[in-house]
Amino acid sequence: MKNKLIFLFIFLILFSGASKAFSFDIWQNPEMSEKYSMFVGGFVASFAYSYTQLGAFKFGLSYPELFIDLMLPLPLPFSLGFSIDPLRKNIFGIGVRPGYHINFNDPNLDVYVLYVLDVEFNENVSALLEWYPAIGLRRRFGIFCLNLETGFMGKSLLIGFSVKLN
């Protein structure tokens, strides 16, 4: 009887977690990112890895890439973000980050899909244009949020912090 109760308890815990994963809504804003919400933050660390060599990874602290994300007042959960990379030596970068947010019915979670367009200028007055899709999530702890976002072509994970302003 004791084994059956333990099995039932474990089953209920796993089932409740799985049911939360399948309860998502792509048509409404997440509770954390309602219309007119604004998030300001920066990515300060990255975890890069290789698909071809197992065990080949690199963790590093870098110059912060600062961003602002604004939830648009539209019927669907779209956002428009801007990024700036002002502190790297001899390079200045700016970017646009349009995104779409998915509601997982968790008041402290925001999962989003982005299309990032970055322009980097170096001291030789040449420019490098990069564009790529990205997937990210934002988890709120009070007014502070932890941000995780895929980097260029999904080969890295950016780690950052943000603050919800309204």
Protein backbone atom coordinates (compact mmCIF):
# COMPACT_ATOMS: atom_id res chain seq x y z
CA MET A 1 0.00 0.00 0.00
CA LYS A 2 2.83 2.37 0.85
CA ASN A 3 4.45 1.79 -2.59
CA LYS A 4 1.15 2.53 -4.33
CA LEU A 5 0.80 5.83 -2.47
CA ILE A 6 4.34 6.84 -3.36
CA PHE A 7 3.73 5.90 -7.01
CA LEU A 8 0.45 7.85 -7.04
CA PHE A 9 2.14 10.89 -5.47
CA ILE A 10 4.97 10.85 -8.06
CA PHE A 11 2.45 10.35 -10.88
CA LEU A 12 0.39 13.33 -9.73
CA ILE A 13 3.45 15.57 -9.50
CA LEU A 14 4.62 14.59 -12.99
CA PHE A 15 1.12 14.87 -14.45
CA SER A 16 0.54 18.32 -13.00
CA GLY A 17 3.84 19.55 -14.46
CA ALA A 18 3.06 18.05 -17.86
CA SER A 19 -0.42 19.55 -17.91
CA LYS A 20 1.09 23.00 -17.35
CA ALA A 21 3.41 22.50 -20.32
CA PHE A 22 0.48 21.74 -22.62
CA SER A 23 -1.70 24.62 -21.44
CA PHE A 24 -0.47 27.42 -23.64
CA ASP A 25 -2.22 30.10 -25.62
CA ILE A 26 -0.69 31.75 -28.68
CA TRP A 27 -3.44 34.35 -29.07
CA GLN A 28 -3.28 36.23 -25.74
CA ASN A 29 -0.55 38.14 -23.98
CA PRO A 30 1.18 36.41 -21.08
CA GLU A 31 0.09 37.79 -17.73
CA MET A 32 3.62 39.03 -17.09
CA SER A 33 3.81 40.80 -20.46
CA GLU A 34 0.46 42.45 -20.86
CA LYS A 35 -0.02 45.29 -23.36
CA TYR A 36 2.16 48.37 -22.78
CA SER A 37 4.66 46.44 -20.60
CA MET A 38 8.27 47.56 -20.78
CA PHE A 39 11.37 45.55 -19.87
CA VAL A 40 14.84 47.09 -19.60
CA GLY A 41 17.94 44.98 -19.04
CA GLY A 42 21.14 43.56 -20.35
CA PHE A 43 22.90 40.35 -21.24
CA VAL A 44 26.13 39.99 -19.27
CA ALA A 45 27.20 36.38 -19.82
CA SER A 46 27.16 33.79 -22.57
CA PHE A 47 27.49 30.04 -22.77
CA ALA A 48 28.70 28.94 -26.22
CA TYR A 49 28.85 25.34 -27.41
CA SER A 50 29.60 23.37 -30.55
CA TYR A 51 27.35 20.91 -32.35
CA THR A 52 30.26 19.00 -33.87
CA GLN A 53 32.54 18.52 -30.87
CA LEU A 54 30.95 17.11 -27.74
CA GLY A 55 32.32 18.73 -24.63
CA ALA A 56 33.54 21.81 -26.53
CA PHE A 57 31.92 24.70 -24.69
CA LYS A 58 32.91 28.09 -23.36
CA PHE A 59 31.40 30.22 -20.61
CA GLY A 60 32.31 33.86 -20.47
CA LEU A 61 31.38 37.19 -19.00
CA SER A 62 31.25 39.84 -21.67
CA TYR A 63 30.50 43.49 -22.13
CA PRO A 64 26.79 43.98 -21.54
CA GLU A 65 24.39 44.24 -24.42
CA LEU A 66 21.62 46.53 -23.21
CA PHE A 67 18.05 46.13 -24.44
CA ILE A 68 14.55 47.50 -24.06
CA ASP A 69 11.46 45.47 -25.00
CA LEU A 70 8.04 47.09 -25.40
CA MET A 71 4.80 45.11 -25.63
CA LEU A 72 2.71 46.63 -28.40
CA PRO A 73 -0.99 47.51 -27.97
CA LEU A 74 -2.12 45.03 -30.63
CA PRO A 75 -4.69 42.20 -30.47
CA LEU A 76 -1.85 39.63 -30.67
CA PRO A 77 1.16 39.46 -28.28
CA PHE A 78 3.80 41.24 -30.38
CA SER A 79 6.71 43.21 -28.97
CA LEU A 80 9.31 45.52 -30.41
CA GLY A 81 12.71 45.72 -28.83
CA PHE A 82 15.90 47.66 -29.37
CA SER A 83 19.42 46.74 -28.29
CA ILE A 84 22.67 48.64 -28.01
CA ASP A 85 26.18 47.37 -27.46
CA PRO A 86 28.12 50.49 -26.41
CA LEU A 87 30.93 49.22 -24.19
CA ARG A 88 32.99 46.90 -26.41
CA LYS A 89 36.36 48.16 -27.47
CA ASN A 90 36.44 49.51 -31.05
CA ILE A 91 32.93 48.17 -31.84
CA PHE A 92 29.52 49.78 -31.48
CA GLY A 93 26.38 47.77 -32.16
CA ILE A 94 22.67 48.56 -32.43
CA GLY A 95 19.80 46.22 -33.10
CA VAL A 96 16.08 45.71 -33.53
CA ARG A 97 14.29 42.80 -31.83
CA PRO A 98 10.68 42.19 -32.98
CA GLY A 99 9.11 39.31 -31.08
CA TYR A 100 6.05 37.18 -30.51
CA HIS A 101 5.15 35.99 -26.98
CA ILE A 102 3.50 32.70 -26.01
CA ASN A 103 1.24 32.49 -22.97
CA PHE A 104 1.91 29.41 -20.80
CA ASN A 105 -0.62 30.53 -18.15
CA ASP A 106 2.16 31.13 -15.63
CA PRO A 107 2.08 34.67 -14.15
CA ASN A 108 5.89 34.78 -13.78
CA LEU A 109 6.96 33.31 -17.14
CA ASP A 110 7.32 34.92 -20.55
CA VAL A 111 8.42 32.75 -23.49
CA TYR A 112 9.09 34.54 -26.76
CA VAL A 113 10.38 34.06 -30.30
CA LEU A 114 12.48 36.87 -31.78
CA TYR A 115 13.97 37.88 -35.05
CA VAL A 116 17.12 39.87 -34.29
CA LEU A 117 18.65 42.33 -36.71
CA ASP A 118 22.04 43.69 -35.54
CA VAL A 119 24.41 46.18 -37.13
CA GLU A 120 27.95 46.45 -35.74
CA PHE A 121 30.29 49.29 -36.61
CA ASN A 122 34.01 49.00 -35.96
CA GLU A 123 36.73 51.65 -35.86
CA ASN A 124 37.51 51.14 -39.58
CA VAL A 125 34.01 52.50 -40.35
CA SER A 126 32.92 49.18 -41.76
CA ALA A 127 29.62 47.61 -40.78
CA LEU A 128 28.61 44.02 -40.17
CA LEU A 129 24.94 43.12 -40.56
CA GLU A 130 23.61 40.01 -38.77
CA TRP A 131 20.07 38.68 -38.63
CA TYR A 132 18.86 35.51 -36.98
CA PRO A 133 15.89 34.00 -35.17
CA ALA A 134 16.13 33.51 -31.42
CA ILE A 135 14.08 31.91 -28.67
CA GLY A 136 14.05 33.27 -25.17
CA LEU A 137 12.40 33.16 -21.81
CA ARG A 138 12.04 35.63 -19.02
CA ARG A 139 11.31 34.47 -15.45
CA ARG A 140 10.20 37.09 -12.91
CA PHE A 141 11.39 37.18 -9.29
CA GLY A 142 9.69 40.23 -7.77
CA ILE A 143 10.47 43.18 -10.05
CA PHE A 144 13.66 41.57 -11.38
CA CYS A 145 13.68 39.05 -14.22
CA LEU A 146 16.20 36.45 -15.31
CA ASN A 147 16.53 36.31 -19.11
CA LEU A 148 17.80 33.35 -21.12
CA GLU A 149 18.00 33.68 -24.88
CA THR A 150 19.55 31.72 -27.71
CA GLY A 151 22.36 33.44 -29.47
CA PHE A 152 23.44 33.38 -33.09
CA MET A 153 21.96 30.31 -34.85
CA GLY A 154 21.28 28.61 -31.52
CA LYS A 155 24.98 28.02 -30.84
CA SER A 156 25.02 29.95 -27.59
CA LEU A 157 22.87 30.88 -24.65
CA LEU A 158 22.82 34.49 -23.46
CA ILE A 159 22.22 35.09 -19.75
CA GLY A 160 20.96 38.42 -18.51
CA PHE A 161 18.77 40.37 -16.15
CA SER A 162 15.94 42.81 -16.70
CA VAL A 163 13.46 44.94 -14.78
CA LYS A 164 9.78 45.34 -15.59
CA LEU A 165 9.07 49.07 -15.52
CA ASN A 166 5.27 49.04 -15.80
